[in-house]
Every structure is written in structure tokens, then in C-alpha cells.
């Protein structure tokens, strides 16, 4: 007797399809973002380079890929197993809607990507950075479009192609994440850089307080503790890691120096992978203040010498 059992789609199928497509979109966006940041790191643009944002974007994209890709592959395997054993599940309307929606998004992405390429080419602004970024988006969107077209047309639901693609995808993602350790640095290196960023921020704050006191009293503080103010609530910061006080030395009636011990070099924080002429050290992304100075440093103990210009920082008259 012919088997007439009807296989119904269940809430489980809806859950798997939505989870699968969500992790897929998250993975694709993160993958593209990751490589765009890598390109920006290898070919830095002096007019648009922000180390902290770039490093944070790489960490975020890497974190999403590390979680979303395994979930996507798992749900894809579960769905493929169900579809292979049921014609009804293969023709599930939600599945078709999600596939065609993904094809639509991929096609729009390819079109917009090519429009931007032509526009920048005609504007004479086609740099190697922009070309590579356009290429990454084009390749990823093209791969997604091609795969789902194949998925709609394929007849052999037990084909080994998806398994091969899954292993290829896993390898590419793993290699991409490992590449980040060479470009951005290991988690330990990132932590050291953030400590150094905090040290620079503390020294900038101290410098501002010292100059502020000089403009009011026309004398440099003999020690940093004199800067503390119970009314404003200002407390002298200490090294964020060692908790030791920063070094402060008076070198003249209008000059002083602030010292700190750094773990990394600011010249190595700018993704300087190669000795290209346009590679340059990072400018620390601290809020702008009235005392813009050079805060580049090497690893180890570094002192920043400052001399107050009385014409620039005039004392505040006492009323």
C-alpha cells in the first residue's frame, strides 16, 4: 500500500528557519565588517583613521562570527535533514519566502555596490582601500546569491555540496579570526593598549589641572595632591594597573613634566603591519581639550615635558 502520510510543518520548523536566517544575516554582516576593518588597517586612510573604533569593531565582529556561524551551521544541518526526508518541508512557504528575500537583499547589495564603484570611479576617488572594500562586498553578496539560486534549483537533496561548503565556510571564518590576532593583536595586547589609553587620558587630565591652577595662582603645584579639590570632587588619578601615583616633576618656574610607565608603544598601535610610507602612529582618541599636545610614547617609562606660555595661558585676575 502506498504511503500517504502527510508531513505537517510545525512551530519547530518556524523556529529553525528564523534562527537560521537570523544567524546567517548576522554572520554575513559581521564577516563583511571584519574584512572592511582589516582593509582599513592594512591600508590606513590618514583622513579617516580611528584606532579604538576599528579595534572595537573587529572584536565585535569576531565575537558575532564565533557564535553565529556554529549556530547557523547547526540549524542548516537540522533543516537540511528535514528537507531531505520530506517534500512538504522543502516546499514550506516560509522557507521559500526567506530564500527569495535573501536573494532580493543580495541582488540589491550587488547593485548598490556596483553603483558606488562607478560613482567613485567617475569622481576620481577610487583608492585601493575603496576598491578592496567594494570587492569584498561584491564577492560575499555574489556568493550568497549564487548559493541560494542553487538551493532553489537543486534536485538532489542528499548532495554532499552543502557539507563541503560548511567545512569551507568554517575554515574561512577560523582563518579570518586568526588573522585578527596579527592585525589587531591578541586579547592581552588589546588590554595593555587600553591601559595605556587610560594612562594618557589621566596625564591629559592632570596637565589640564596643573595649568588651570597656574592661571589662578601663578605658581605650579609642588605635588599632585595639591590639585585635589573636595568641592569639585577632583581626585588625582593613579596608574590603572599598578595603582601607583604618576610621576610629577617641576623643571622650572613655568615648566614641568608628567611621567608614566607604558606597556605598549603608540607607534605600534596603528596596525603598522608593513613599512609603507603612509603608515603612521595612532592619535589617541581622547576628547579634545584646550591643551593639545603630543602624547606619542614608547613602551617603558616616558616623561612628557611641558612649558607654560604665559601669553597663551594668561593668569585670571583676582577680583
Protein backbone atom coordinates (compact mmCIF):
# COMPACT_ATOMS: atom_id res chain seq x y z
CA UNK A 1 0.00 0.00 0.00
CA UNK A 2 1.25 3.46 -0.92
CA UNK A 3 2.33 5.61 1.99
CA UNK A 4 0.03 8.66 2.10
CA UNK A 5 1.30 10.07 5.38
CA UNK A 6 1.19 13.89 5.28
CA UNK A 7 4.05 15.66 6.98
CA UNK A 8 2.97 18.94 8.53
CA UNK A 9 5.20 21.90 9.26
CA UNK A 10 5.43 22.61 12.97
CA UNK A 11 6.41 25.55 15.21
CA UNK A 12 9.81 23.85 15.45
CA UNK A 13 10.26 24.38 11.69
CA UNK A 14 9.39 28.07 12.01
CA UNK A 15 11.84 28.43 14.91
CA UNK A 16 14.67 26.75 13.00
CA UNK A 17 14.09 28.79 9.85
CA UNK A 18 14.03 32.13 11.67
CA UNK A 19 17.04 31.25 13.83
CA UNK A 20 18.91 30.05 10.76
CA UNK A 21 18.25 33.20 8.72
CA UNK A 22 18.99 35.49 11.69
CA UNK A 23 22.38 33.93 12.36
CA UNK A 24 23.06 33.91 8.62
CA UNK A 25 22.48 37.67 8.27
CA UNK A 26 24.46 38.36 11.44
CA UNK A 27 27.35 36.26 10.13
CA UNK A 28 27.39 37.87 6.68
CA UNK A 29 27.27 41.41 8.06
CA UNK A 30 29.98 40.65 10.62
CA UNK A 31 32.17 38.93 8.02
CA UNK A 32 31.97 41.92 5.68
CA UNK A 33 32.56 44.35 8.54
CA UNK A 34 35.56 42.34 9.71
CA UNK A 35 37.26 42.46 6.32
CA UNK A 36 36.44 46.12 5.79
CA UNK A 37 38.22 46.87 9.08
CA UNK A 38 41.15 44.66 8.06
CA UNK A 39 41.46 46.57 4.79
CA UNK A 40 41.31 49.86 6.67
CA UNK A 41 44.05 48.61 8.97
CA UNK A 42 46.37 47.39 6.22
CA UNK A 43 45.74 50.44 4.02
CA UNK A 44 45.03 53.22 6.54
CA UNK A 45 43.45 56.45 5.41
CA UNK A 46 45.01 59.44 7.23
CA UNK A 47 41.72 61.34 6.86
CA UNK A 48 39.61 58.60 8.36
CA UNK A 49 41.51 56.51 10.87
CA UNK A 50 40.25 55.84 14.36
CA UNK A 51 42.08 53.04 16.08
CA UNK A 52 39.79 52.47 19.06
CA UNK A 53 36.67 52.30 16.88
CA UNK A 54 38.41 49.95 14.45
CA UNK A 55 39.66 47.62 17.18
CA UNK A 56 36.25 47.58 18.86
CA UNK A 57 34.55 46.82 15.53
CA UNK A 58 36.94 43.92 14.92
CA UNK A 59 36.30 42.50 18.40
CA UNK A 60 32.53 42.82 17.97
CA UNK A 61 32.50 41.21 14.51
CA UNK A 62 34.79 38.40 15.66
CA UNK A 63 32.56 37.70 18.67
CA UNK A 64 29.45 37.52 16.50
CA UNK A 65 31.12 35.20 13.99
CA UNK A 66 32.43 32.91 16.73
CA UNK A 67 28.87 32.32 17.99
CA UNK A 68 26.61 32.91 14.99
CA UNK A 69 28.45 30.68 12.49
CA UNK A 70 28.21 27.46 14.61
CA UNK A 71 24.51 28.14 15.27
CA UNK A 72 23.92 28.80 11.58
CA UNK A 73 25.68 25.59 10.55
CA UNK A 74 23.81 23.56 13.16
CA UNK A 75 20.39 24.89 12.15
CA UNK A 76 21.28 24.45 8.47
CA UNK A 77 22.14 20.80 9.14
CA UNK A 78 18.88 20.23 11.02
CA UNK A 79 16.83 21.89 8.28
CA UNK A 80 18.66 20.01 5.51
CA UNK A 81 17.96 16.73 7.28
CA UNK A 82 14.25 17.51 7.49
CA UNK A 83 14.01 18.79 3.92
CA UNK A 84 15.81 15.74 2.55
CA UNK A 85 13.17 13.45 4.03
CA UNK A 86 10.07 15.48 3.24
CA UNK A 87 8.86 17.13 0.04
CA UNK A 88 6.32 19.15 2.02
CA UNK A 89 9.05 20.71 4.15
CA UNK A 90 11.07 21.53 1.09
CA UNK A 91 8.08 23.42 -0.31
CA UNK A 92 7.39 25.12 3.03
CA UNK A 93 6.21 28.65 2.14
CA UNK A 94 8.21 30.29 4.92
CA UNK A 95 11.36 28.63 3.60
CA UNK A 96 10.69 29.93 0.09
CA UNK A 97 9.88 33.42 1.36
CA UNK A 98 13.12 33.62 3.34
CA UNK A 99 15.20 32.35 0.43
CA UNK A 100 13.69 34.80 -2.04
CA UNK A 101 14.01 37.64 0.46
CA UNK A 102 17.69 36.79 0.87
CA UNK A 103 18.10 36.73 -2.91
CA UNK A 104 16.47 40.16 -3.07
CA UNK A 105 18.79 41.59 -0.40
CA UNK A 106 21.82 40.08 -2.15
CA UNK A 107 20.80 41.46 -5.54
CA UNK A 108 20.19 44.95 -4.10
CA UNK A 109 23.56 44.83 -2.32
CA UNK A 110 25.36 43.90 -5.53
CA UNK A 111 23.62 46.67 -7.48
CA UNK A 112 24.32 49.34 -4.86
CA UNK A 113 27.91 48.14 -4.53
CA UNK A 114 28.48 48.46 -8.28
CA UNK A 115 26.78 51.88 -8.36
CA UNK A 116 29.14 53.12 -5.63
CA UNK A 117 32.10 51.70 -7.53
CA UNK A 118 31.16 53.51 -10.76
CA UNK A 119 30.34 56.73 -8.89
CA UNK A 120 33.71 56.82 -7.13
CA UNK A 121 35.50 55.90 -10.35
CA UNK A 122 33.88 58.81 -12.18
CA UNK A 123 34.69 61.09 -9.25
CA UNK A 124 38.36 60.14 -9.43
CA UNK A 125 38.30 58.90 -5.82
CA UNK A 126 38.90 55.21 -6.47
CA UNK A 127 41.58 54.29 -3.92
CA UNK A 128 42.95 50.82 -3.21
CA UNK A 129 41.07 50.85 0.11
CA UNK A 130 37.74 51.57 -1.55
CA UNK A 131 38.33 49.08 -4.37
CA UNK A 132 39.08 46.24 -1.95
CA UNK A 133 36.07 47.07 0.22
CA UNK A 134 33.80 47.06 -2.82
CA UNK A 135 35.35 43.76 -3.90
CA UNK A 136 34.70 42.15 -0.52
CA UNK A 137 31.04 43.19 -0.52
CA UNK A 138 30.64 42.07 -4.14
CA UNK A 139 32.21 38.65 -3.53
CA UNK A 140 30.19 37.94 -0.39
CA UNK A 141 26.88 39.14 -1.85
CA UNK A 142 27.59 37.24 -5.07
CA UNK A 143 28.38 34.05 -3.15
CA UNK A 144 25.16 34.33 -1.14
CA UNK A 145 23.11 34.97 -4.29
CA UNK A 146 24.70 32.07 -6.15
CA UNK A 147 24.26 29.64 -3.27
CA UNK A 148 20.55 30.32 -2.76
CA UNK A 149 19.87 30.17 -6.50
CA UNK A 150 21.50 26.74 -6.45
CA UNK A 151 19.49 25.82 -3.35
CA UNK A 152 16.22 26.60 -5.14
CA UNK A 153 17.12 24.65 -8.27
CA UNK A 154 18.84 21.58 -6.87
CA UNK A 155 17.01 18.26 -7.07
CA UNK A 156 19.38 16.01 -5.17
CA UNK A 157 18.59 16.86 -1.53
CA UNK A 158 21.27 14.40 -0.35
CA UNK A 159 24.08 16.14 -2.20
CA UNK A 160 27.40 16.45 -0.38
CA UNK A 161 27.91 20.01 -1.65
CA UNK A 162 26.37 21.68 1.45
CA UNK A 163 28.71 19.68 3.68
CA UNK A 164 31.72 20.76 1.60
CA UNK A 165 30.54 24.37 1.74
CA UNK A 166 30.07 24.12 5.50
CA UNK A 167 33.65 22.95 6.02
CA UNK A 168 34.93 25.62 3.63
CA UNK A 169 32.95 28.32 5.45
CA UNK A 170 34.22 27.14 8.83
CA UNK A 171 37.82 27.20 7.61
CA UNK A 172 37.49 30.69 6.14
CA UNK A 173 35.93 32.06 9.34
CA UNK A 174 38.57 30.47 11.56
CA UNK A 175 41.39 31.84 9.39
CA UNK A 176 39.70 35.27 9.38
CA UNK A 177 39.52 35.30 13.18
CA UNK A 178 43.14 34.18 13.50
CA UNK A 179 44.17 36.97 11.09
CA UNK A 180 42.72 39.45 13.57
CA UNK A 181 45.32 38.43 16.16
CA UNK A 182 48.08 39.53 13.77
CA UNK A 183 46.31 42.73 12.72
CA UNK A 184 44.64 43.94 15.91
CA UNK A 185 46.62 41.93 18.43
CA UNK A 186 45.81 39.28 21.00
CA UNK A 187 43.30 39.96 23.80
CA UNK A 188 46.23 40.51 26.16
CA UNK A 189 47.73 43.10 23.81
CA UNK A 190 44.37 44.82 23.49
CA UNK A 191 44.09 45.02 27.26
CA UNK A 192 47.57 46.54 27.52
CA UNK A 193 46.66 49.15 24.92
CA UNK A 194 43.51 50.10 26.81
CA UNK A 195 45.58 50.53 29.97
CA UNK A 196 47.93 52.83 28.05
CA UNK A 197 44.97 54.76 26.67
CA UNK A 198 43.75 55.29 30.23
CA UNK A 199 47.22 56.46 31.29
CA UNK A 200 47.28 59.05 28.52
CA UNK A 201 43.81 60.21 29.50
CA UNK A 202 44.91 60.57 33.14
CA UNK A 203 48.00 62.57 32.16
CA UNK A 204 45.91 64.86 29.99
CA UNK A 205 43.59 65.47 32.91
CA UNK A 206 46.50 66.19 35.26
CA UNK A 207 48.07 68.53 32.73
CA UNK A 208 44.82 70.44 32.46
CA UNK A 209 44.51 70.74 36.24
CA UNK A 210 48.12 71.91 36.60
CA UNK A 211 47.69 74.63 34.01
CA UNK A 212 44.35 75.61 35.49
CA UNK A 213 45.98 76.08 38.89
CA UNK A 214 48.80 78.12 37.40
CA UNK A 215 46.37 80.50 35.68
CA UNK A 216 44.65 81.06 39.03
CA UNK A 217 47.66 81.20 41.38
CA UNK A 218 50.59 81.87 39.01
CA UNK A 219 52.54 79.07 40.65
CA UNK A 220 52.91 75.41 39.84
CA UNK A 221 51.73 72.90 42.44
CA UNK A 222 54.61 71.38 44.41
CA UNK A 223 52.95 67.96 44.27
CA UNK A 224 49.96 66.42 42.57
CA UNK A 225 47.98 66.05 45.79
CA UNK A 226 47.59 69.85 45.84
CA UNK A 227 45.29 69.52 42.84
CA UNK A 228 42.64 67.62 44.78
CA UNK A 229 39.51 69.62 45.43
CA UNK A 230 36.84 68.48 47.88
CA UNK A 231 34.30 70.91 46.40
CA UNK A 232 34.63 69.93 42.74
CA UNK A 233 35.35 66.35 43.75
CA UNK A 234 38.56 66.08 41.74
CA UNK A 235 40.86 63.28 42.87
CA UNK A 236 44.33 62.74 41.48
CA UNK A 237 44.22 59.59 39.30
CA UNK A 238 46.73 56.79 39.70
CA UNK A 239 48.07 54.21 37.26
CA UNK A 240 45.05 52.00 36.38
CA UNK A 241 47.06 48.76 36.60
CA UNK A 242 49.75 49.23 39.24
CA UNK A 243 47.73 51.77 41.27
CA UNK A 244 50.95 53.72 41.79
CA UNK A 245 50.86 57.55 41.52
CA UNK A 246 52.02 59.21 38.34
CA UNK A 247 55.37 60.96 38.47
CA UNK A 248 55.35 64.78 38.50
CA UNK A 249 58.48 66.93 38.41
CA UNK A 250 58.88 70.71 38.35
CA UNK A 251 61.68 71.62 35.94
CA UNK A 252 61.36 75.42 36.01
CA UNK A 253 59.13 78.28 37.08
CA UNK A 254 56.90 77.65 34.05
CA UNK A 255 57.81 74.09 33.12
CA UNK A 256 57.05 70.63 34.43
CA UNK A 257 56.92 67.02 33.30
CA UNK A 258 54.49 64.18 33.79
CA UNK A 259 55.75 60.60 33.62
CA UNK A 260 54.13 57.19 33.31
CA UNK A 261 55.23 53.66 32.54
CA UNK A 262 53.60 52.27 29.39
CA UNK A 263 53.25 48.69 28.29
CA UNK A 264 52.98 49.30 24.55
CA UNK A 265 54.28 51.81 22.02
CA UNK A 266 51.83 54.22 20.41
CA UNK A 267 53.73 53.73 17.15
CA UNK A 268 52.81 50.05 17.22
CA UNK A 269 49.13 50.71 17.90
CA UNK A 270 48.29 51.86 14.41
CA UNK A 271 48.19 48.48 12.69
CA UNK A 272 51.63 49.18 11.21
CA UNK A 273 51.89 45.79 9.51
CA UNK A 274 54.33 46.92 6.88
CA UNK A 275 56.79 49.76 6.42
CA UNK A 276 54.61 51.69 4.00
CA UNK A 277 55.26 55.40 3.77
CA UNK A 278 51.70 56.22 4.73
CA UNK A 279 51.73 54.09 7.85
CA UNK A 280 51.62 56.40 10.85
CA UNK A 281 51.25 56.19 14.59
CA UNK A 282 47.88 56.36 16.23
CA UNK A 283 46.50 59.57 17.60
CA UNK A 284 44.81 58.65 20.84
CA UNK A 285 41.05 59.11 20.53
CA UNK A 286 40.55 61.17 23.68
CA UNK A 287 38.06 64.01 23.94
CA UNK A 288 39.54 67.24 22.61
CA UNK A 289 40.57 69.77 25.22
CA UNK A 290 42.37 73.11 25.30
CA UNK A 291 45.78 71.52 25.79
CA UNK A 292 46.50 69.60 22.63
CA UNK A 293 49.99 68.17 22.91
CA UNK A 294 51.99 65.28 21.54
CA UNK A 295 51.28 62.13 23.54
CA UNK A 296 53.17 59.60 21.42
CA UNK A 297 55.21 57.21 23.56
CA UNK A 298 57.35 54.11 23.53
CA UNK A 299 56.99 51.17 25.89
CA UNK A 300 58.50 51.77 29.31
CA UNK A 301 58.89 54.92 31.38
CA UNK A 302 58.14 58.05 29.37
CA UNK A 303 58.09 61.67 30.52
CA UNK A 304 56.15 64.43 28.78
CA UNK A 305 57.79 67.84 29.22
CA UNK A 306 55.52 70.86 29.19
CA UNK A 307 56.27 74.58 29.35
CA UNK A 308 53.50 77.07 30.03
CA UNK A 309 53.37 80.07 27.72
CA UNK A 310 52.14 82.98 29.91
CA UNK A 311 50.95 84.81 26.81
CA UNK A 312 48.79 81.89 25.81
CA UNK A 313 47.64 80.91 29.30
CA UNK A 314 47.21 84.26 30.98
CA UNK A 315 46.57 84.37 34.73
CA UNK A 316 42.99 85.01 35.78
CA UNK A 317 42.76 88.43 37.51
CA UNK A 318 41.71 88.21 41.16
CA UNK A 319 38.62 90.29 41.82
